[in-house]
N, C-alpha and C. Protein backbone atom coordinates (compact mmCIF):
# COMPACT_ATOMS: atom_id res chain seq x y z
N UNK A 1 205.15 -96.65 -81.93
CA UNK A 1 203.76 -96.39 -81.65
C UNK A 1 202.91 -97.43 -82.37
N UNK A 2 201.93 -97.95 -81.69
CA UNK A 2 201.00 -98.92 -82.28
C UNK A 2 199.64 -98.28 -82.38
N UNK A 3 198.94 -98.56 -83.46
CA UNK A 3 197.58 -98.05 -83.63
C UNK A 3 196.66 -99.25 -83.75
N UNK A 4 195.70 -99.32 -82.89
CA UNK A 4 194.73 -100.41 -82.91
C UNK A 4 193.38 -99.82 -83.30
N UNK A 5 192.72 -100.45 -84.22
CA UNK A 5 191.44 -99.94 -84.70
C UNK A 5 190.31 -100.76 -84.11
N UNK A 6 189.34 -100.09 -83.54
CA UNK A 6 188.11 -100.72 -83.03
C UNK A 6 187.00 -100.26 -83.96
N UNK A 7 186.36 -101.19 -84.66
CA UNK A 7 185.41 -100.78 -85.69
C UNK A 7 184.07 -101.47 -85.52
N UNK A 8 183.02 -100.69 -85.58
CA UNK A 8 181.64 -101.16 -85.63
C UNK A 8 180.94 -100.34 -86.69
N UNK A 9 179.67 -100.61 -86.92
CA UNK A 9 178.92 -99.80 -87.86
C UNK A 9 178.98 -98.34 -87.40
N UNK A 10 179.33 -97.48 -88.31
CA UNK A 10 179.46 -96.07 -87.95
C UNK A 10 180.90 -95.63 -88.09
N UNK A 11 181.35 -94.82 -87.18
CA UNK A 11 182.69 -94.26 -87.26
C UNK A 11 183.74 -95.18 -86.65
N UNK A 12 184.97 -95.09 -87.20
CA UNK A 12 186.10 -95.84 -86.65
C UNK A 12 186.58 -95.19 -85.36
N UNK A 13 187.11 -96.00 -84.49
CA UNK A 13 187.75 -95.50 -83.27
C UNK A 13 189.18 -96.00 -83.30
N UNK A 14 190.13 -95.08 -83.14
CA UNK A 14 191.54 -95.43 -83.14
C UNK A 14 192.06 -95.43 -81.71
N UNK A 15 192.77 -96.46 -81.35
CA UNK A 15 193.40 -96.56 -80.03
C UNK A 15 194.90 -96.59 -80.29
N UNK A 16 195.62 -95.61 -79.78
CA UNK A 16 197.06 -95.52 -80.05
C UNK A 16 197.86 -95.70 -78.77
N UNK A 17 198.60 -96.82 -78.70
CA UNK A 17 199.53 -97.04 -77.60
C UNK A 17 198.89 -97.21 -76.24
N UNK A 18 197.67 -97.66 -76.15
CA UNK A 18 197.00 -97.83 -74.87
C UNK A 18 196.87 -99.29 -74.48
N UNK A 19 197.89 -99.86 -73.86
CA UNK A 19 197.93 -101.27 -73.53
C UNK A 19 196.84 -101.72 -72.56
N UNK A 20 196.52 -100.90 -71.59
CA UNK A 20 195.47 -101.26 -70.63
C UNK A 20 194.11 -101.32 -71.30
N UNK A 21 193.76 -100.26 -72.05
CA UNK A 21 192.48 -100.23 -72.73
C UNK A 21 192.42 -101.31 -73.82
N UNK A 22 193.51 -101.50 -74.55
CA UNK A 22 193.55 -102.52 -75.61
C UNK A 22 193.28 -103.91 -75.03
N UNK A 23 193.85 -104.22 -73.87
CA UNK A 23 193.62 -105.53 -73.25
C UNK A 23 192.16 -105.68 -72.83
N UNK A 24 191.52 -104.59 -72.46
CA UNK A 24 190.13 -104.63 -72.03
C UNK A 24 189.18 -104.85 -73.20
N UNK A 25 189.48 -104.26 -74.37
CA UNK A 25 188.58 -104.35 -75.52
C UNK A 25 189.12 -105.24 -76.63
N UNK A 26 190.10 -106.09 -76.34
CA UNK A 26 190.76 -106.89 -77.37
C UNK A 26 189.79 -107.71 -78.22
N UNK A 27 188.70 -108.18 -77.64
CA UNK A 27 187.74 -108.99 -78.40
C UNK A 27 187.00 -108.16 -79.44
N UNK A 28 187.06 -106.83 -79.35
CA UNK A 28 186.39 -105.95 -80.29
C UNK A 28 187.33 -105.38 -81.36
N UNK A 29 188.62 -105.61 -81.24
CA UNK A 29 189.59 -105.06 -82.18
C UNK A 29 189.65 -105.94 -83.41
N UNK A 30 189.31 -105.36 -84.57
CA UNK A 30 189.29 -106.16 -85.80
C UNK A 30 190.45 -105.84 -86.73
N UNK A 31 191.13 -104.73 -86.52
CA UNK A 31 192.29 -104.38 -87.33
C UNK A 31 193.39 -103.85 -86.42
N UNK A 32 194.64 -104.16 -86.79
CA UNK A 32 195.78 -103.69 -86.03
C UNK A 32 196.82 -103.16 -87.01
N UNK A 33 197.33 -101.97 -86.77
CA UNK A 33 198.41 -101.43 -87.56
C UNK A 33 199.62 -101.29 -86.65
N UNK A 34 200.67 -102.01 -86.99
CA UNK A 34 201.90 -102.01 -86.18
C UNK A 34 202.94 -101.18 -86.90
N UNK A 35 203.51 -100.24 -86.19
CA UNK A 35 204.57 -99.38 -86.72
C UNK A 35 205.88 -99.91 -86.13
N UNK A 36 206.77 -100.37 -86.99
CA UNK A 36 208.02 -100.98 -86.54
C UNK A 36 209.20 -100.12 -86.95
N UNK A 37 209.96 -99.67 -85.96
CA UNK A 37 211.12 -98.82 -86.21
C UNK A 37 212.40 -99.65 -86.10
N UNK A 38 213.42 -99.34 -86.92
CA UNK A 38 214.67 -100.09 -86.85
C UNK A 38 215.57 -99.65 -85.70
N UNK A 39 215.10 -98.75 -84.85
CA UNK A 39 215.88 -98.28 -83.71
C UNK A 39 215.12 -98.63 -82.43
N UNK A 40 215.80 -99.23 -81.47
CA UNK A 40 215.17 -99.59 -80.20
C UNK A 40 215.63 -98.59 -79.14
N UNK A 41 214.64 -97.96 -78.49
CA UNK A 41 214.93 -96.97 -77.44
C UNK A 41 214.08 -97.31 -76.23
N UNK A 42 214.69 -97.56 -75.10
CA UNK A 42 213.96 -97.79 -73.85
C UNK A 42 213.15 -99.07 -73.85
N UNK A 43 212.21 -99.14 -72.92
CA UNK A 43 211.41 -100.35 -72.73
C UNK A 43 210.15 -100.37 -73.59
N UNK A 44 209.62 -99.21 -73.95
CA UNK A 44 208.42 -99.15 -74.77
C UNK A 44 207.15 -99.41 -74.00
N UNK A 45 206.03 -99.33 -74.71
CA UNK A 45 204.70 -99.55 -74.14
C UNK A 45 204.19 -100.87 -74.70
N UNK A 46 203.75 -101.80 -73.84
CA UNK A 46 203.23 -103.07 -74.37
C UNK A 46 201.94 -102.84 -75.17
N UNK A 47 201.76 -103.64 -76.21
CA UNK A 47 200.55 -103.53 -77.02
C UNK A 47 199.33 -103.91 -76.18
N UNK A 48 199.48 -104.93 -75.34
CA UNK A 48 198.43 -105.35 -74.41
C UNK A 48 199.06 -105.44 -73.03
N UNK A 49 198.40 -104.87 -72.04
CA UNK A 49 198.96 -104.75 -70.71
C UNK A 49 198.97 -106.07 -69.93
N UNK A 50 198.24 -107.05 -70.42
CA UNK A 50 198.23 -108.36 -69.75
C UNK A 50 198.03 -109.44 -70.81
N UNK A 51 198.18 -110.68 -70.40
CA UNK A 51 198.03 -111.80 -71.34
C UNK A 51 196.63 -111.82 -71.94
N UNK A 52 196.56 -112.11 -73.23
CA UNK A 52 195.27 -112.23 -73.92
C UNK A 52 195.24 -113.57 -74.65
N UNK A 53 194.06 -114.01 -75.01
CA UNK A 53 193.92 -115.27 -75.76
C UNK A 53 194.51 -115.09 -77.16
N UNK A 54 195.16 -116.11 -77.69
CA UNK A 54 195.71 -116.02 -79.04
C UNK A 54 194.61 -115.75 -80.07
N UNK A 55 194.89 -114.91 -81.05
CA UNK A 55 193.97 -114.64 -82.16
C UNK A 55 194.76 -114.69 -83.45
N UNK A 56 194.13 -115.20 -84.50
CA UNK A 56 194.77 -115.26 -85.81
C UNK A 56 194.45 -114.00 -86.58
N UNK A 57 195.48 -113.36 -87.08
CA UNK A 57 195.33 -112.16 -87.90
C UNK A 57 196.10 -112.37 -89.19
N UNK A 58 195.61 -111.78 -90.26
CA UNK A 58 196.30 -111.90 -91.54
C UNK A 58 196.86 -110.55 -91.95
N UNK A 59 198.06 -110.58 -92.53
CA UNK A 59 198.68 -109.37 -93.02
C UNK A 59 197.96 -108.96 -94.30
N UNK A 60 197.35 -107.78 -94.31
CA UNK A 60 196.58 -107.33 -95.48
C UNK A 60 197.27 -106.20 -96.23
N UNK A 61 198.23 -105.55 -95.60
CA UNK A 61 198.97 -104.49 -96.27
C UNK A 61 200.25 -104.26 -95.49
N UNK A 62 201.24 -103.77 -96.21
CA UNK A 62 202.49 -103.41 -95.56
C UNK A 62 203.21 -102.38 -96.41
N UNK A 63 203.91 -101.51 -95.73
CA UNK A 63 204.72 -100.52 -96.43
C UNK A 63 206.08 -100.51 -95.75
N UNK A 64 207.11 -100.69 -96.55
CA UNK A 64 208.48 -100.70 -96.03
C UNK A 64 209.20 -99.50 -96.63
N UNK A 65 209.78 -98.69 -95.77
CA UNK A 65 210.47 -97.49 -96.20
C UNK A 65 211.97 -97.76 -96.34
N UNK A 66 212.66 -96.93 -97.08
CA UNK A 66 214.08 -97.15 -97.37
C UNK A 66 214.96 -97.12 -96.12
N UNK A 67 214.50 -96.47 -95.05
CA UNK A 67 215.29 -96.42 -93.82
C UNK A 67 215.01 -97.60 -92.89
N UNK A 68 214.19 -98.57 -93.34
CA UNK A 68 213.89 -99.76 -92.55
C UNK A 68 212.61 -99.67 -91.74
N UNK A 69 212.00 -98.50 -91.67
CA UNK A 69 210.72 -98.31 -90.97
C UNK A 69 209.63 -99.09 -91.70
N UNK A 70 208.75 -99.77 -90.96
CA UNK A 70 207.68 -100.55 -91.58
C UNK A 70 206.33 -100.26 -90.94
N UNK A 71 205.29 -100.25 -91.76
CA UNK A 71 203.90 -100.22 -91.29
C UNK A 71 203.28 -101.55 -91.70
N UNK A 72 202.78 -102.31 -90.74
CA UNK A 72 202.18 -103.62 -90.98
C UNK A 72 200.72 -103.55 -90.59
N UNK A 73 199.82 -103.87 -91.52
CA UNK A 73 198.39 -103.76 -91.30
C UNK A 73 197.79 -105.16 -91.28
N UNK A 74 197.22 -105.53 -90.13
CA UNK A 74 196.64 -106.86 -89.94
C UNK A 74 195.13 -106.76 -89.74
N UNK A 75 194.41 -107.78 -90.19
CA UNK A 75 192.97 -107.91 -89.93
C UNK A 75 192.72 -109.23 -89.26
N UNK A 76 191.71 -109.25 -88.43
CA UNK A 76 191.29 -110.47 -87.77
C UNK A 76 190.84 -111.47 -88.82
N UNK A 77 191.34 -112.70 -88.75
CA UNK A 77 190.90 -113.73 -89.69
C UNK A 77 189.54 -114.22 -89.28
N UNK A 78 188.67 -114.44 -90.29
CA UNK A 78 187.31 -114.89 -89.99
C UNK A 78 187.19 -116.36 -90.19
């Protein structure tokens, strides 16, 4: 599962696993949290449903669990 954060002044909006919507609002996404599992099952859901322009993001936090599960938190580079 991927969680994409869309943030403006006010409340945060979380987008979870929505490749179509994420591709539509990609220019507004300033933070991305990627959940990486050590087990691959099926085809999965694409993070973005279509090609998007490359963007530079920096890893700002990460948590690695003993079973190999990882949470990677990226922010848009300014």
